[in-house]
Amino acid sequence: DTEPLPVYEEIKDQLPRPIWDGHDSTIECYNKVWEIGFSNLRLPKKEAKFVSSFIDTAFNGFLFMWDSAFIMMFARYGSRVFDFQKTLDNFYSRQHRDGFICREMLETDALDNWSRDDPCSTGPNVLPWAEWEYYTQTGDMDRLSKVFDPLLAYHKWLMDNRTWQDGTYWSCGNACGMDNLPRTQYGYDPESHHSFMSWIDTCAQQYLSADILIKMSEVLGREDEADFLKPEKENLYRIINEQMWDEKSGFYYDKLRDGILSPVKTVAPFWTMISGIATKERAHRMVTEHLTNENEF
């Protein structure tokens, strides 16, 4: 992309405008969010091998996978002014031949910030979620057909490189996107070590990714290409609900190497609700007994 970037003051009247009487300060906040967002638009640099203009995560000169996917959840409502979704194209353009995509990429040079073998190198796999939400809103079949291949290859890379023998997934503080959660066992670095655990959020995200990729394959008429995800989806559902749920406390937990559940209660298990793994009854318990408990969350 080489097109000039839109300027907020010139296009703000083209953005969706909420009408909410008596909530002027909230509307002001809403408008400020868009203003900040448009101030962080960037043109791609050829030396970085980026292909599309993008919204920067405004942190350290790197584009982040996790942050960008979350930004797409609101930015897609401004697509008539700027195609924010193309931000994610820069991850696909830097995808490695084996499917690996680094979670943090320098915006001025074609360098990944992490080696693929580093536990911190990639994740969480929320790209399919961001793309599916965009598709269900826009019906953009052309984009869906283009992103399906890189998304499928990335999921397969995680299957091959981030699983334990039972098919559950591991991660680390940096790779899970929540590096300030003290989840690892004593003696292991909470930011960069997997602590030999099955990570509840990563397992749930991979279940969600598999579910979405199967749906994509059906829409595109490419069901056979996602068939390998069906047994994985079933396996993750079974293990998460049978081995990572504690009935007494009404909550999901990380699973330790010896099969015992971690004693650390974190926000990570709420991904079981986003992914649809948690049953209606369990989701109700998680909300009423924990999420709305001011002494916990």
Protein backbone atom coordinates (compact mmCIF):
# COMPACT_ATOMS: atom_id res chain seq x y z
CA ASP A 1 0.00 0.00 0.00
CA THR A 2 1.20 3.47 -0.85
CA GLU A 3 -2.09 5.33 -0.56
CA PRO A 4 -2.02 8.38 1.76
CA LEU A 5 -3.35 7.62 5.22
CA PRO A 6 -6.69 9.13 6.26
CA VAL A 7 -6.64 11.99 8.78
CA TYR A 8 -9.09 11.72 11.64
CA GLU A 9 -10.34 15.32 11.53
CA GLU A 10 -11.13 14.93 7.83
CA ILE A 11 -13.02 11.62 8.06
CA LYS A 12 -14.53 11.53 11.55
CA ASP A 13 -18.04 12.22 10.24
CA GLN A 14 -17.88 8.98 8.22
CA LEU A 15 -17.39 6.81 11.31
CA PRO A 16 -20.30 5.16 13.12
CA ARG A 17 -21.85 7.60 15.57
CA PRO A 18 -23.47 6.21 18.70
CA ILE A 19 -26.58 7.95 20.02
CA TRP A 20 -26.92 7.67 23.79
CA ASP A 21 -28.71 10.48 25.56
CA GLY A 22 -27.25 11.49 28.91
CA HIS A 23 -23.89 9.82 28.30
CA ASP A 24 -21.91 12.66 26.76
CA SER A 25 -18.67 11.72 28.49
CA THR A 26 -18.93 8.18 27.12
CA ILE A 27 -19.42 9.51 23.58
CA GLU A 28 -16.40 11.77 24.08
CA CYS A 29 -14.36 8.77 25.14
CA TYR A 30 -15.57 6.81 22.09
CA ASN A 31 -14.51 9.63 19.76
CA LYS A 32 -11.15 9.90 21.50
CA VAL A 33 -10.50 6.20 20.91
CA TRP A 34 -10.97 6.68 17.17
CA GLU A 35 -8.77 9.79 17.21
CA ILE A 36 -5.97 7.88 18.94
CA GLY A 37 -6.45 4.95 16.58
CA PHE A 38 -6.10 7.05 13.45
CA SER A 39 -3.03 8.78 14.90
CA ASN A 40 -1.37 5.34 14.99
CA LEU A 41 -1.87 4.43 11.33
CA ARG A 42 1.37 3.59 9.53
CA LEU A 43 2.47 3.04 5.95
CA PRO A 44 4.32 -0.24 5.34
CA LYS A 45 8.07 -0.11 4.88
CA LYS A 46 9.36 -2.19 1.99
CA GLU A 47 12.47 -3.18 3.94
CA ALA A 48 10.21 -4.70 6.60
CA LYS A 49 8.45 -6.83 3.96
CA PHE A 50 5.12 -5.47 5.15
CA VAL A 51 2.51 -5.22 2.42
CA SER A 52 -0.33 -3.17 3.87
CA SER A 53 -0.88 0.03 5.76
CA PHE A 54 -1.70 -0.83 9.36
CA ILE A 55 -2.69 0.39 12.78
CA ASP A 56 0.31 0.25 15.05
CA THR A 57 0.03 -1.23 18.54
CA ALA A 58 1.91 1.86 19.71
CA PHE A 59 4.25 0.17 22.13
CA ASN A 60 7.83 -0.28 20.96
CA GLY A 61 8.13 -0.15 17.18
CA PHE A 62 7.01 -3.74 16.76
CA LEU A 63 3.71 -5.08 15.46
CA PHE A 64 2.11 -7.55 17.88
CA MET A 65 -0.13 -10.45 16.85
CA TRP A 66 -2.27 -10.52 20.01
CA ASP A 67 -2.80 -6.77 20.24
CA SER A 68 -3.55 -6.40 16.53
CA ALA A 69 -6.21 -9.12 16.62
CA PHE A 70 -7.96 -7.40 19.52
CA ILE A 71 -7.79 -4.02 17.79
CA MET A 72 -9.53 -5.55 14.76
CA MET A 73 -12.54 -6.32 16.95
CA PHE A 74 -13.48 -2.64 17.10
CA ALA A 75 -11.52 -1.24 14.16
CA ARG A 76 -13.57 -3.19 11.62
CA TYR A 77 -16.45 -0.79 12.27
CA GLY A 78 -14.38 1.94 10.62
CA SER A 79 -13.72 -0.02 7.43
CA ARG A 80 -15.56 2.44 5.20
CA VAL A 81 -12.74 4.88 5.94
CA PHE A 82 -9.73 2.58 6.29
CA ASP A 83 -9.34 -1.17 5.79
CA PHE A 84 -7.94 -1.93 9.23
CA GLN A 85 -8.22 -5.68 8.64
CA LYS A 86 -5.26 -5.51 6.27
CA THR A 87 -3.11 -4.91 9.33
CA LEU A 88 -3.10 -8.70 9.71
CA ASP A 89 -1.80 -9.15 6.16
CA ASN A 90 1.61 -8.09 7.44
CA PHE A 91 1.74 -11.20 9.62
CA TYR A 92 0.83 -13.43 6.69
CA SER A 93 3.42 -11.74 4.45
CA ARG A 94 6.12 -12.58 7.00
CA GLN A 95 4.98 -16.17 7.55
CA HIS A 96 7.73 -18.77 7.27
CA ARG A 97 7.54 -21.65 4.81
CA ASP A 98 6.71 -24.14 7.56
CA GLY A 99 3.76 -22.07 8.78
CA PHE A 100 5.43 -20.26 11.69
CA ILE A 101 4.42 -16.64 12.32
CA CYS A 102 6.32 -14.62 14.88
CA ARG A 103 4.09 -12.84 17.37
CA GLU A 104 6.23 -9.67 17.41
CA MET A 105 7.72 -8.22 14.23
CA LEU A 106 9.95 -5.21 13.70
CA GLU A 107 8.24 -2.53 11.60
CA THR A 108 11.44 -1.15 10.03
CA ASP A 109 13.25 -4.36 9.06
CA ALA A 110 12.30 -7.89 8.03
CA LEU A 111 13.31 -9.35 11.36
CA ASP A 112 11.34 -11.48 13.76
CA ASN A 113 11.88 -10.45 17.36
CA TRP A 114 12.02 -14.09 18.48
CA SER A 115 13.51 -17.28 17.13
CA ARG A 116 10.85 -19.86 16.33
CA ASP A 117 12.38 -22.25 18.89
CA ASP A 118 12.06 -19.74 21.71
CA PRO A 119 9.02 -20.50 23.92
CA CYS A 120 8.17 -16.79 23.64
CA SER A 121 8.19 -16.80 19.84
CA THR A 122 4.51 -16.95 18.95
CA GLY A 123 0.92 -16.91 20.14
CA PRO A 124 -1.77 -16.65 21.17
CA ASN A 125 -3.49 -18.04 18.09
CA VAL A 126 -6.32 -15.53 17.87
CA LEU A 127 -5.91 -14.62 14.18
CA PRO A 128 -8.68 -17.00 12.98
CA TRP A 129 -11.05 -15.47 15.54
CA ALA A 130 -10.32 -11.94 14.30
CA GLU A 131 -10.77 -12.99 10.66
CA TRP A 132 -13.98 -14.92 11.31
CA GLU A 133 -15.54 -11.99 13.17
CA TYR A 134 -14.67 -9.78 10.21
CA TYR A 135 -16.13 -12.26 7.72
CA THR A 136 -19.41 -12.71 9.62
CA GLN A 137 -19.86 -8.95 9.59
CA THR A 138 -18.78 -8.20 6.01
CA GLY A 139 -19.34 -11.43 4.07
CA ASP A 140 -15.98 -10.80 2.35
CA MET A 141 -15.44 -14.18 0.66
CA ASP A 142 -12.41 -12.94 -1.26
CA ARG A 143 -10.52 -12.15 1.92
CA LEU A 144 -11.66 -15.37 3.59
CA SER A 145 -10.30 -17.44 0.71
CA LYS A 146 -6.93 -15.66 0.92
CA VAL A 147 -6.40 -15.90 4.68
CA PHE A 148 -7.54 -19.52 5.02
CA ASP A 149 -4.22 -20.99 3.87
CA PRO A 150 -1.90 -19.02 6.16
CA LEU A 151 -4.25 -19.55 9.10
CA LEU A 152 -4.40 -23.29 8.49
CA ALA A 153 -0.62 -23.53 8.13
CA TYR A 154 -0.06 -21.57 11.33
CA HIS A 155 -2.43 -23.79 13.31
CA LYS A 156 -0.60 -26.85 11.97
CA TRP A 157 2.76 -25.39 13.04
CA LEU A 158 1.45 -24.98 16.58
CA MET A 159 0.18 -28.58 16.54
CA ASP A 160 3.64 -29.77 15.52
CA ASN A 161 5.64 -27.59 17.88
CA ARG A 162 3.60 -26.62 20.95
CA THR A 163 1.86 -29.83 22.09
CA TRP A 164 2.43 -32.47 24.74
CA GLN A 165 1.94 -36.19 24.17
CA ASP A 166 -1.78 -36.01 24.97
CA GLY A 167 -2.37 -33.27 22.41
CA THR A 168 -2.73 -30.40 24.89
CA TYR A 169 -0.79 -27.20 24.33
CA TRP A 170 1.89 -25.38 26.26
CA SER A 171 2.83 -21.72 26.25
CA CYS A 172 4.64 -19.23 28.49
CA GLY A 173 3.94 -15.80 29.95
CA ASN A 174 5.10 -13.82 26.93
CA ALA A 175 3.56 -16.18 24.38
CA CYS A 176 0.16 -16.34 26.09
CA GLY A 177 -0.12 -12.55 26.04
CA MET A 178 -0.45 -12.28 29.81
CA ASP A 179 3.15 -12.09 31.00
CA ASN A 180 2.25 -10.61 34.39
CA LEU A 181 0.31 -13.68 35.56
CA PRO A 182 2.33 -15.81 38.02
CA ARG A 183 1.19 -19.16 36.64
CA THR A 184 4.33 -21.27 36.47
CA GLN A 185 5.49 -23.48 39.32
CA TYR A 186 8.18 -22.23 41.66
CA GLY A 187 11.61 -22.22 40.07
CA TYR A 188 10.49 -21.55 36.49
CA ASP A 189 10.56 -18.14 34.80
CA PRO A 190 6.90 -17.04 34.52
CA GLU A 191 7.59 -15.09 31.32
CA SER A 192 9.62 -17.57 29.31
CA HIS A 193 9.11 -21.13 30.59
CA HIS A 194 6.22 -23.51 30.00
CA SER A 195 6.65 -25.11 33.44
CA PHE A 196 5.66 -28.43 31.81
CA MET A 197 2.00 -27.45 32.09
CA SER A 198 -0.97 -27.79 29.77
CA TRP A 199 -2.08 -24.16 29.47
CA ILE A 200 -5.84 -23.77 29.68
CA ASP A 201 -6.06 -20.61 27.57
CA THR A 202 -3.81 -21.95 24.81
CA CYS A 203 -5.78 -25.20 24.67
CA ALA A 204 -9.06 -23.26 24.47
CA GLN A 205 -7.68 -20.94 21.79
CA GLN A 206 -6.56 -23.89 19.69
CA TYR A 207 -10.00 -25.44 20.07
CA LEU A 208 -11.51 -22.13 18.93
CA SER A 209 -9.07 -21.93 16.02
CA ALA A 210 -9.89 -25.48 14.92
CA ASP A 211 -13.61 -24.80 15.16
CA ILE A 212 -13.33 -21.63 13.08
CA LEU A 213 -11.03 -23.16 10.46
CA ILE A 214 -13.51 -26.02 10.01
CA LYS A 215 -16.29 -23.47 9.50
CA MET A 216 -14.12 -21.57 7.02
CA SER A 217 -13.42 -24.76 5.07
CA GLU A 218 -17.14 -25.44 4.82
CA VAL A 219 -17.91 -21.94 3.55
CA LEU A 220 -15.10 -22.19 1.00
CA GLY A 221 -15.94 -25.74 -0.10
CA ARG A 222 -12.55 -27.02 1.10
CA GLU A 223 -13.74 -29.31 3.90
CA ASP A 224 -11.18 -32.04 3.23
CA GLU A 225 -8.31 -29.65 4.00
CA ALA A 226 -9.52 -29.16 7.58
CA ASP A 227 -10.50 -32.76 8.31
CA PHE A 228 -7.35 -33.25 10.42
CA LEU A 229 -8.66 -30.64 12.85
CA LYS A 230 -11.81 -32.56 13.77
CA PRO A 231 -10.14 -35.21 15.97
CA GLU A 232 -7.99 -32.52 17.58
CA LYS A 233 -11.05 -30.46 18.40
CA GLU A 234 -12.76 -33.50 19.96
CA ASN A 235 -9.63 -34.38 21.94
CA LEU A 236 -9.20 -30.87 23.34
CA TYR A 237 -12.86 -30.67 24.29
CA ARG A 238 -12.64 -33.96 26.14
CA ILE A 239 -9.41 -33.25 28.01
CA ILE A 240 -10.33 -29.70 28.97
CA ASN A 241 -13.73 -30.72 30.34
CA GLU A 242 -12.64 -33.99 31.94
CA GLN A 243 -9.18 -33.16 33.24
CA MET A 244 -8.89 -29.36 33.59
CA TRP A 245 -12.16 -28.59 35.36
CA ASP A 246 -12.50 -28.67 39.16
CA GLU A 247 -16.07 -29.34 40.18
CA LYS A 248 -15.59 -28.28 43.78
CA SER A 249 -14.39 -24.75 42.97
CA GLY A 250 -16.35 -24.48 39.72
CA PHE A 251 -13.40 -23.37 37.62
CA TYR A 252 -10.91 -24.50 34.97
CA TYR A 253 -7.17 -24.58 35.69
CA ASP A 254 -3.82 -25.22 34.04
CA LYS A 255 -2.80 -28.88 34.31
CA LEU A 256 0.60 -29.67 35.84
CA ARG A 257 3.01 -32.29 34.55
CA ASP A 258 1.81 -34.92 37.03
CA GLY A 259 -1.83 -34.38 36.00
CA ILE A 260 -2.76 -32.40 39.10
CA LEU A 261 -4.47 -29.06 38.52
CA SER A 262 -2.57 -25.87 39.25
CA PRO A 263 -3.64 -24.11 42.45
CA VAL A 264 -3.33 -20.72 40.74
CA LYS A 265 -6.63 -19.14 39.71
CA THR A 266 -6.24 -16.74 36.77
CA VAL A 267 -8.29 -15.00 34.11
CA ALA A 268 -7.03 -17.49 31.48
CA PRO A 269 -9.85 -20.06 31.88
CA PHE A 270 -12.45 -17.57 30.66
CA TRP A 271 -11.21 -18.47 27.17
CA THR A 272 -13.26 -21.64 27.61
CA MET A 273 -16.33 -19.40 27.45
CA ILE A 274 -15.18 -17.49 24.37
CA SER A 275 -14.32 -20.75 22.60
CA GLY A 276 -17.58 -22.47 23.53
CA ILE A 277 -15.93 -25.28 25.47
CA ALA A 278 -17.55 -24.49 28.80
CA THR A 279 -21.03 -25.93 29.13
CA LYS A 280 -23.87 -23.54 29.92
CA GLU A 281 -23.92 -24.72 33.53
CA ARG A 282 -20.18 -24.34 33.97
CA ALA A 283 -20.12 -20.95 32.31
CA HIS A 284 -22.85 -19.84 34.72
CA ARG A 285 -20.76 -20.94 37.68
CA MET A 286 -17.65 -19.22 36.36
CA VAL A 287 -19.54 -15.95 36.03
CA THR A 288 -21.63 -15.99 39.19
CA GLU A 289 -19.08 -17.55 41.54
CA HIS A 290 -15.90 -15.98 40.17
CA LEU A 291 -16.10 -13.32 37.49
CA THR A 292 -18.55 -11.14 39.40
CA ASN A 293 -16.92 -11.91 42.75
CA GLU A 294 -15.17 -8.66 43.69
CA ASN A 295 -12.78 -10.60 45.93
CA GLU A 296 -11.49 -12.56 42.91
CA PHE A 297 -11.90 -10.74 39.61
